[in-house]
Structure formats: C-alpha cells, structure tokens
Amino acid sequence: MIIHQIHSIGDIIFLEPMFRHFFKKNNEKPLVPVRNHLMWLSDYIESAQFITESSYTKMNKAGEKINTMYANQLYRGLPMDYHEDFENCMLDKYRLAKLPTEMWLDIDLKFNPCRGENLMTEFLTYHYGEYILKNEYSQAGNINIEIDQDELPVYSMKSVDGFTLIDWYMLIFQAKEFHTVSTSTFYLLQAMKNKFPNMATKIFIYPRPNRDGLRGITNLHPTFEFETR
C-alpha cells in the first residue's frame, strides 16, 4: 500500500487516521513518500513507513496506491492542474480512499514531553504565568496578527533549531489564548484535543493570505472549539 502525499505537514498529519486504518487492515504500515525535509514526521506518526521522495522515485512502485496529493481532482474528475476547490480538497482524500470523512478527527500523534518541556524552558526562560501565543506563518504566506490587549505578554511562534512544529504542543496547551493563521496547526490542535480532552486554550483562527482564506476548513468540524477572525 502506497499513500502518495509528499507534502505538506498539515496534509500528512490530517492523513494519520488513514495510515492507521490501512496498517490495521493489512497488518503492514503503508508506505508514505515525503519530501526529504519532512522525514522528521516519522518521529511523531507511528502508523506509516516514511521514505524520502528521492528514494521513492528509484523504487519499483508495484502495489495499491492512493494518490491523496490529487484526490480532489481524481475524485471529482477535475483537471489535474485545478486547485480551486478549497472546500473539498482535504476531505476528498478520505473519499478517494472510500473511507468515512469524519475519520480524520481521530488524529493520533506521538507527542514528546521531553522535547515539549525543553522548548518551553528555552522559549519562556524569563517568564512565569499566563501568556498569549500566536502563529503568523503558513505555506500560503505570512499574515500580521494584532492582539489588542495589554494584560498578558504575547509571544510569536518561530523556527527554533532542534525543535519541530509538533514540539510546540506544550506551549500551545499552556497558553491562555492561541491565535493562528489557518495552517497545519489546525490539525495539530485536533491531535492535541484527542490526547488532552481538558485542553482549555482559547483558540482563534485567521484566514490564509490567498484565495483560500478560511475556505479550506469550512467543511471540517474539529472537536476543539475555536473562533474565526
């Protein structure tokens, strides 16, 4: 079984329940080729066998394959270069695989408490107490999130050497508010809600800076509560 989803972080996290379904069904982890710089995801997703895209191109590709990269186009008979159906493009990955669309809600990530605590220690070295966290970065581009309040310190997510996006889970969980552009953090939040049902962080989601805006999450109904801005 090959599930073809070479990028991006959010799409791969979104598909974790699909990986797990076929792992249980076939008693073998599906093969998931990804861009070389995304191989770190294998540390957090145990239901798939990740290989680099460069290795995959050299392989004998016999076997069942689900092309989730182009699921929207294949499922709906659209031209392969059509990328405007933001409302359906994510759920069509499950539809193409003939799986229930609500399966995506069961995302299971292997969080690393040691890495989460180390990142929190490094990021909040001189701060104790409540804070607000924001993320302005997405693959679609960056936005500017203005938070109108003077009571709590506001911190911005950023790239920190030695840590990944998923390692931010503890900082998100501990934040009083989390303001984020609609991006892979949306799927990280669903995985967090599954693992930590008592998550109390107040979540605000902002449009992506392109034609998508918030259309990409319109038909997704996570179990965590959020407000759009």
C-alpha atoms as a PDB file:
ATOM      1  CA  MET A   1       0.000   0.000   0.000  1.00  0.00           C
ATOM      2  CA  ILE A   2       1.413   3.375  -1.059  1.00  0.00           C
ATOM      3  CA  ILE A   3      -0.208   6.619   0.048  1.00  0.00           C
ATOM      4  CA  HIS A   4       1.186   9.387  -2.096  1.00  0.00           C
ATOM      5  CA  GLN A   5       1.309  12.611  -0.056  1.00  0.00           C
ATOM      6  CA  ILE A   6       4.790  14.062  -0.379  1.00  0.00           C
ATOM      7  CA  HIS A   7       3.870  17.311   1.405  1.00  0.00           C
ATOM      8  CA  SER A   8       2.818  19.321   3.405  1.00  0.00           C
ATOM      9  CA  ILE A   9       2.919  18.999   7.207  1.00  0.00           C
ATOM     10  CA  GLY A  10      -0.801  19.635   7.696  1.00  0.00           C
ATOM     11  CA  ASP A  11      -1.882  17.218   4.954  1.00  0.00           C
ATOM     12  CA  ILE A  12       0.310  14.439   6.342  1.00  0.00           C
ATOM     13  CA  ILE A  13      -0.957  14.927   9.906  1.00  0.00           C
ATOM     14  CA  PHE A  14      -4.516  15.007   8.528  1.00  0.00           C
ATOM     15  CA  LEU A  15      -3.975  11.572   6.965  1.00  0.00           C
ATOM     16  CA  GLU A  16      -2.666   9.833  10.094  1.00  0.00           C
ATOM     17  CA  PRO A  17      -6.003   8.040  10.740  1.00  0.00           C
ATOM     18  CA  MET A  18      -5.927   6.772   7.138  1.00  0.00           C
ATOM     19  CA  PHE A  19      -2.409   5.422   7.645  1.00  0.00           C
ATOM     20  CA  ARG A  20      -3.562   3.677  10.824  1.00  0.00           C
ATOM     21  CA  HIS A  21      -6.638   2.219   9.095  1.00  0.00           C
ATOM     22  CA  PHE A  22      -4.582   0.519   6.399  1.00  0.00           C
ATOM     23  CA  PHE A  23      -1.913  -0.537   8.897  1.00  0.00           C
ATOM     24  CA  LYS A  24      -4.573  -2.431  10.871  1.00  0.00           C
ATOM     25  CA  LYS A  25      -6.292  -3.745   7.740  1.00  0.00           C
ATOM     26  CA  ASN A  26      -3.150  -5.046   6.011  1.00  0.00           C
ATOM     27  CA  ASN A  27      -1.021  -5.734   9.092  1.00  0.00           C
ATOM     28  CA  GLU A  28       1.645  -3.661   7.392  1.00  0.00           C
ATOM     29  CA  LYS A  29       2.370   0.041   7.562  1.00  0.00           C
ATOM     30  CA  PRO A  30       1.542   1.916   4.364  1.00  0.00           C
ATOM     31  CA  LEU A  31       4.496   3.387   2.551  1.00  0.00           C
ATOM     32  CA  VAL A  32       4.374   7.192   2.553  1.00  0.00           C
ATOM     33  CA  PRO A  33       6.989   9.020   0.462  1.00  0.00           C
ATOM     34  CA  VAL A  34       7.589  12.583   1.668  1.00  0.00           C
ATOM     35  CA  ARG A  35       9.870  15.461   0.810  1.00  0.00           C
ATOM     36  CA  ASN A  36      13.292  14.838   2.311  1.00  0.00           C
ATOM     37  CA  HIS A  37      12.999  17.724   4.792  1.00  0.00           C
ATOM     38  CA  LEU A  38       9.761  16.251   6.230  1.00  0.00           C
ATOM     39  CA  MET A  39      11.195  12.908   7.331  1.00  0.00           C
ATOM     40  CA  TRP A  40      11.131  14.185  10.928  1.00  0.00           C
ATOM     41  CA  LEU A  41       7.385  13.454  10.908  1.00  0.00           C
ATOM     42  CA  SER A  42       8.239   9.764  11.368  1.00  0.00           C
ATOM     43  CA  ASP A  43       9.146  10.588  14.989  1.00  0.00           C
ATOM     44  CA  TYR A  44       5.521  11.590  15.679  1.00  0.00           C
ATOM     45  CA  ILE A  45       3.496   9.321  13.372  1.00  0.00           C
ATOM     46  CA  GLU A  46       3.909   5.616  14.055  1.00  0.00           C
ATOM     47  CA  SER A  47       1.237   4.300  11.684  1.00  0.00           C
ATOM     48  CA  ALA A  48       3.194   4.774   8.444  1.00  0.00           C
ATOM     49  CA  GLN A  49       6.560   3.907   6.989  1.00  0.00           C
ATOM     50  CA  PHE A  50       8.007   7.173   5.721  1.00  0.00           C
ATOM     51  CA  ILE A  51      10.602   7.192   2.985  1.00  0.00           C
ATOM     52  CA  THR A  52      12.191  10.115   1.191  1.00  0.00           C
ATOM     53  CA  GLU A  53      10.722  11.222  -2.088  1.00  0.00           C
ATOM     54  CA  SER A  54      14.142  10.790  -3.702  1.00  0.00           C
ATOM     55  CA  SER A  55      14.254   7.132  -2.579  1.00  0.00           C
ATOM     56  CA  TYR A  56      10.709   6.546  -3.773  1.00  0.00           C
ATOM     57  CA  THR A  57      11.499   7.654  -7.334  1.00  0.00           C
ATOM     58  CA  LYS A  58      14.051   4.815  -7.559  1.00  0.00           C
ATOM     59  CA  MET A  59      11.666   2.123  -6.299  1.00  0.00           C
ATOM     60  CA  ASN A  60       9.584  -0.465  -8.088  1.00  0.00           C
ATOM     61  CA  LYS A  61       6.165   1.102  -7.467  1.00  0.00           C
ATOM     62  CA  ALA A  62       4.009  -2.023  -7.835  1.00  0.00           C
ATOM     63  CA  GLY A  63       1.119  -2.319  -5.408  1.00  0.00           C
ATOM     64  CA  GLU A  64      -2.054  -0.482  -4.413  1.00  0.00           C
ATOM     65  CA  LYS A  65      -1.640   3.290  -4.477  1.00  0.00           C
ATOM     66  CA  ILE A  66      -3.859   6.111  -3.249  1.00  0.00           C
ATOM     67  CA  ASN A  67      -2.844   9.438  -4.729  1.00  0.00           C
ATOM     68  CA  THR A  68      -4.025  11.767  -1.972  1.00  0.00           C
ATOM     69  CA  MET A  69      -1.977  14.603  -3.473  1.00  0.00           C
ATOM     70  CA  TYR A  70      -4.551  14.844  -6.278  1.00  0.00           C
ATOM     71  CA  ALA A  71      -7.545  13.279  -4.537  1.00  0.00           C
ATOM     72  CA  ASN A  72      -9.793  16.274  -5.234  1.00  0.00           C
ATOM     73  CA  GLN A  73      -9.073  16.166  -8.975  1.00  0.00           C
ATOM     74  CA  LEU A  74      -9.299  12.378  -9.253  1.00  0.00           C
ATOM     75  CA  TYR A  75     -12.433  12.016  -7.145  1.00  0.00           C
ATOM     76  CA  ARG A  76     -14.325  14.796  -8.935  1.00  0.00           C
ATOM     77  CA  GLY A  77     -12.956  14.372 -12.449  1.00  0.00           C
ATOM     78  CA  LEU A  78     -11.291  17.779 -12.429  1.00  0.00           C
ATOM     79  CA  PRO A  79      -8.252  18.780 -14.490  1.00  0.00           C
ATOM     80  CA  MET A  80      -5.064  17.810 -12.667  1.00  0.00           C
ATOM     81  CA  ASP A  81      -3.912  21.432 -12.634  1.00  0.00           C
ATOM     82  CA  TYR A  82      -7.148  22.668 -10.993  1.00  0.00           C
ATOM     83  CA  HIS A  83      -6.585  23.763  -7.389  1.00  0.00           C
ATOM     84  CA  GLU A  84      -9.556  25.982  -6.557  1.00  0.00           C
ATOM     85  CA  ASP A  85     -11.882  23.589  -4.714  1.00  0.00           C
ATOM     86  CA  PHE A  86     -10.575  24.517  -1.278  1.00  0.00           C
ATOM     87  CA  GLU A  87     -13.791  23.420   0.451  1.00  0.00           C
ATOM     88  CA  ASN A  88     -13.449  19.764  -0.610  1.00  0.00           C
ATOM     89  CA  CYS A  89      -9.765  19.192  -1.266  1.00  0.00           C
ATOM     90  CA  MET A  90      -8.970  17.817   2.205  1.00  0.00           C
ATOM     91  CA  LEU A  91     -11.991  15.565   2.777  1.00  0.00           C
ATOM     92  CA  ASP A  92     -11.715  14.195  -0.769  1.00  0.00           C
ATOM     93  CA  LYS A  93      -8.549  12.412   0.356  1.00  0.00           C
ATOM     94  CA  TYR A  94     -10.728  10.161   2.507  1.00  0.00           C
ATOM     95  CA  ARG A  95     -13.473   9.956  -0.096  1.00  0.00           C
ATOM     96  CA  LEU A  96     -10.986   8.745  -2.718  1.00  0.00           C
ATOM     97  CA  ALA A  97      -9.870   6.020  -0.293  1.00  0.00           C
ATOM     98  CA  LYS A  98     -13.561   5.094   0.285  1.00  0.00           C
ATOM     99  CA  LEU A  99     -13.285   5.924   3.974  1.00  0.00           C
ATOM    100  CA  PRO A 100     -15.611   7.984   6.205  1.00  0.00           C
ATOM    101  CA  THR A 101     -14.657  11.642   6.064  1.00  0.00           C
ATOM    102  CA  GLU A 102     -15.040  12.025   9.829  1.00  0.00           C
ATOM    103  CA  MET A 103     -12.172   9.561  10.285  1.00  0.00           C
ATOM    104  CA  TRP A 104      -9.723  12.485  10.085  1.00  0.00           C
ATOM    105  CA  LEU A 105     -10.878  13.607  13.542  1.00  0.00           C
ATOM    106  CA  ASP A 106      -9.072  10.644  15.133  1.00  0.00           C
ATOM    107  CA  ILE A 107      -5.552  12.013  14.530  1.00  0.00           C
ATOM    108  CA  ASP A 108      -3.064  10.315  16.852  1.00  0.00           C
ATOM    109  CA  LEU A 109       0.388  11.871  17.206  1.00  0.00           C
ATOM    110  CA  LYS A 110       3.201  10.646  19.421  1.00  0.00           C
ATOM    111  CA  PHE A 111       3.994  13.750  21.440  1.00  0.00           C
ATOM    112  CA  ASN A 112       7.434  14.011  23.037  1.00  0.00           C
ATOM    113  CA  PRO A 113       7.096  15.527  26.548  1.00  0.00           C
ATOM    114  CA  CYS A 114      10.852  15.949  26.922  1.00  0.00           C
ATOM    115  CA  ARG A 115      11.113  17.987  23.719  1.00  0.00           C
ATOM    116  CA  GLY A 116       7.965  19.933  24.615  1.00  0.00           C
ATOM    117  CA  GLU A 117       9.328  20.823  28.041  1.00  0.00           C
ATOM    118  CA  ASN A 118      12.751  21.730  26.654  1.00  0.00           C
ATOM    119  CA  LEU A 119      11.202  24.054  24.083  1.00  0.00           C
ATOM    120  CA  MET A 120       9.036  25.637  26.754  1.00  0.00           C
ATOM    121  CA  THR A 121      12.066  26.139  29.005  1.00  0.00           C
ATOM    122  CA  GLU A 122      14.072  27.702  26.177  1.00  0.00           C
ATOM    123  CA  PHE A 123      11.218  29.900  24.981  1.00  0.00           C
ATOM    124  CA  LEU A 124       9.905  31.087  28.350  1.00  0.00           C
ATOM    125  CA  THR A 125      13.162  31.278  30.292  1.00  0.00           C
ATOM    126  CA  TYR A 126      12.344  34.560  31.982  1.00  0.00           C
ATOM    127  CA  HIS A 127       8.562  34.312  32.128  1.00  0.00           C
ATOM    128  CA  TYR A 128       6.161  32.721  34.566  1.00  0.00           C
ATOM    129  CA  GLY A 129       2.383  32.940  34.475  1.00  0.00           C
ATOM    130  CA  GLU A 130      -0.202  33.357  31.743  1.00  0.00           C
ATOM    131  CA  TYR A 131       0.676  34.323  28.183  1.00  0.00           C
ATOM    132  CA  ILE A 132      -0.771  34.510  24.660  1.00  0.00           C
ATOM    133  CA  LEU A 133       0.820  32.653  21.759  1.00  0.00           C
ATOM    134  CA  LYS A 134       0.389  33.449  18.078  1.00  0.00           C
ATOM    135  CA  ASN A 135       1.435  31.907  14.772  1.00  0.00           C
ATOM    136  CA  GLU A 136       1.520  34.125  11.695  1.00  0.00           C
ATOM    137  CA  TYR A 137       3.243  31.697   9.314  1.00  0.00           C
ATOM    138  CA  SER A 138       1.791  29.330   6.724  1.00  0.00           C
ATOM    139  CA  GLN A 139       2.808  27.767   3.426  1.00  0.00           C
ATOM    140  CA  ALA A 140       0.427  30.225   1.745  1.00  0.00           C
ATOM    141  CA  GLY A 141       2.348  33.182   3.177  1.00  0.00           C
ATOM    142  CA  ASN A 142       2.565  35.177   6.380  1.00  0.00           C
ATOM    143  CA  ILE A 143      -0.053  37.400   7.988  1.00  0.00           C
ATOM    144  CA  ASN A 144       0.074  40.055  10.675  1.00  0.00           C
ATOM    145  CA  ILE A 145      -1.915  39.218  13.797  1.00  0.00           C
ATOM    146  CA  GLU A 146      -2.609  42.208  16.009  1.00  0.00           C
ATOM    147  CA  ILE A 147      -3.813  41.379  19.521  1.00  0.00           C
ATOM    148  CA  ASP A 148      -5.401  44.335  21.268  1.00  0.00           C
ATOM    149  CA  GLN A 149      -4.691  43.802  24.952  1.00  0.00           C
ATOM    150  CA  ASP A 150      -2.113  44.971  27.495  1.00  0.00           C
ATOM    151  CA  GLU A 151      -2.564  42.474  30.318  1.00  0.00           C
ATOM    152  CA  LEU A 152      -0.584  39.442  29.112  1.00  0.00           C
ATOM    153  CA  PRO A 153       2.689  39.019  27.212  1.00  0.00           C
ATOM    154  CA  VAL A 154       2.268  37.927  23.586  1.00  0.00           C
ATOM    155  CA  TYR A 155       4.793  35.512  22.072  1.00  0.00           C
ATOM    156  CA  SER A 156       5.186  34.531  18.415  1.00  0.00           C
ATOM    157  CA  MET A 157       5.923  31.020  17.187  1.00  0.00           C
ATOM    158  CA  LYS A 158       9.136  30.848  15.231  1.00  0.00           C
ATOM    159  CA  SER A 159      11.656  28.364  13.958  1.00  0.00           C
ATOM    160  CA  VAL A 160      13.838  27.098  16.795  1.00  0.00           C
ATOM    161  CA  ASP A 161      16.835  24.916  15.962  1.00  0.00           C
ATOM    162  CA  GLY A 162      16.435  21.360  17.204  1.00  0.00           C
ATOM    163  CA  PHE A 163      12.638  21.506  17.510  1.00  0.00           C
ATOM    164  CA  THR A 164       9.698  20.873  15.171  1.00  0.00           C
ATOM    165  CA  LEU A 165       6.225  22.319  14.787  1.00  0.00           C
ATOM    166  CA  ILE A 166       4.749  19.469  16.827  1.00  0.00           C
ATOM    167  CA  ASP A 167       7.068  20.211  19.753  1.00  0.00           C
ATOM    168  CA  TRP A 168       5.128  23.462  20.250  1.00  0.00           C
ATOM    169  CA  TYR A 169       2.166  21.478  21.547  1.00  0.00           C
ATOM    170  CA  MET A 170       3.047  22.108  25.187  1.00  0.00           C
ATOM    171  CA  LEU A 171       3.404  25.861  24.695  1.00  0.00           C
ATOM    172  CA  ILE A 172       0.045  25.907  22.899  1.00  0.00           C
ATOM    173  CA  PHE A 173      -1.578  23.819  25.628  1.00  0.00           C
ATOM    174  CA  GLN A 174      -0.313  26.106  28.392  1.00  0.00           C
ATOM    175  CA  ALA A 175      -1.249  29.358  26.604  1.00  0.00           C
ATOM    176  CA  LYS A 176      -4.327  31.268  27.693  1.00  0.00           C
ATOM    177  CA  GLU A 177      -5.017  32.103  24.041  1.00  0.00           C
ATOM    178  CA  PHE A 178      -3.627  30.776  20.776  1.00  0.00           C
ATOM    179  CA  HIS A 179      -4.025  32.937  17.655  1.00  0.00           C
ATOM    180  CA  THR A 180      -3.029  31.229  14.403  1.00  0.00           C
ATOM    181  CA  VAL A 181      -3.408  31.521  10.666  1.00  0.00           C
ATOM    182  CA  SER A 182      -5.315  28.583   9.146  1.00  0.00           C
ATOM    183  CA  THR A 183      -2.489  26.133   8.543  1.00  0.00           C
ATOM    184  CA  SER A 184      -1.034  22.839   9.837  1.00  0.00           C
ATOM    185  CA  THR A 185      -1.594  23.997  13.429  1.00  0.00           C
ATOM    186  CA  PHE A 186      -5.313  23.292  12.798  1.00  0.00           C
ATOM    187  CA  TYR A 187      -4.593  19.556  12.576  1.00  0.00           C
ATOM    188  CA  LEU A 188      -2.089  19.697  15.423  1.00  0.00           C
ATOM    189  CA  LEU A 189      -4.861  21.182  17.588  1.00  0.00           C
ATOM    190  CA  GLN A 190      -7.180  18.275  16.737  1.00  0.00           C
ATOM    191  CA  ALA A 191      -4.479  15.790  17.742  1.00  0.00           C
ATOM    192  CA  MET A 192      -3.979  17.739  20.974  1.00  0.00           C
ATOM    193  CA  LYS A 193      -7.698  17.682  21.753  1.00  0.00           C
ATOM    194  CA  ASN A 194      -7.707  13.909  21.273  1.00  0.00           C
ATOM    195  CA  LYS A 195      -4.748  13.449  23.603  1.00  0.00           C
ATOM    196  CA  PHE A 196      -5.695  16.123  26.129  1.00  0.00           C
ATOM    197  CA  PRO A 197      -9.512  16.394  26.287  1.00  0.00           C
ATOM    198  CA  ASN A 198      -9.284  19.028  29.037  1.00  0.00           C
ATOM    199  CA  MET A 199      -7.388  21.459  26.792  1.00  0.00           C
ATOM    200  CA  ALA A 200      -8.642  24.902  27.821  1.00  0.00           C
ATOM    201  CA  THR A 201      -6.663  27.170  25.492  1.00  0.00           C
ATOM    202  CA  LYS A 202      -8.915  29.698  23.758  1.00  0.00           C
ATOM    203  CA  ILE A 203      -8.282  29.331  20.014  1.00  0.00           C
ATOM    204  CA  PHE A 204      -8.626  31.969  17.287  1.00  0.00           C
ATOM    205  CA  ILE A 205      -8.086  31.115  13.611  1.00  0.00           C
ATOM    206  CA  TYR A 206      -7.317  33.700  10.919  1.00  0.00           C
ATOM    207  CA  PRO A 207      -7.635  33.461   7.100  1.00  0.00           C
ATOM    208  CA  ARG A 208      -4.741  32.420   4.915  1.00  0.00           C
ATOM    209  CA  PRO A 209      -3.339  35.257   2.771  1.00  0.00           C
ATOM    210  CA  ASN A 210      -4.556  33.843  -0.551  1.00  0.00           C
ATOM    211  CA  ARG A 211      -7.794  32.837  -2.307  1.00  0.00           C
ATOM    212  CA  ASP A 212      -8.280  30.074   0.225  1.00  0.00           C
ATOM    213  CA  GLY A 213      -8.760  32.349   3.223  1.00  0.00           C
ATOM    214  CA  LEU A 214     -10.791  30.116   5.549  1.00  0.00           C
ATOM    215  CA  ARG A 215     -12.419  28.059   2.779  1.00  0.00           C
ATOM    216  CA  GLY A 216     -10.045  25.152   3.379  1.00  0.00           C
ATOM    217  CA  ILE A 217     -11.502  24.472   6.818  1.00  0.00           C
ATOM    218  CA  THR A 218     -15.139  25.354   6.027  1.00  0.00           C
ATOM    219  CA  ASN A 219     -16.257  21.707   5.783  1.00  0.00           C
ATOM    220  CA  LEU A 220     -14.029  20.456   8.572  1.00  0.00           C
ATOM    221  CA  HIS A 221     -15.635  20.280  12.002  1.00  0.00           C
ATOM    222  CA  PRO A 222     -12.999  19.589  14.657  1.00  0.00           C
ATOM    223  CA  THR A 223     -13.840  18.614  18.209  1.00  0.00           C
ATOM    224  CA  PHE A 224     -11.959  21.598  19.644  1.00  0.00           C
ATOM    225  CA  GLU A 225     -13.714  24.929  19.865  1.00  0.00           C
ATOM    226  CA  PHE A 226     -12.397  27.975  18.013  1.00  0.00           C
ATOM    227  CA  GLU A 227     -13.373  31.417  16.821  1.00  0.00           C
ATOM    228  CA  THR A 228     -12.545  32.837  13.394  1.00  0.00           C
ATOM    229  CA  ARG A 229     -11.204  36.338  12.924  1.00  0.00           C
END
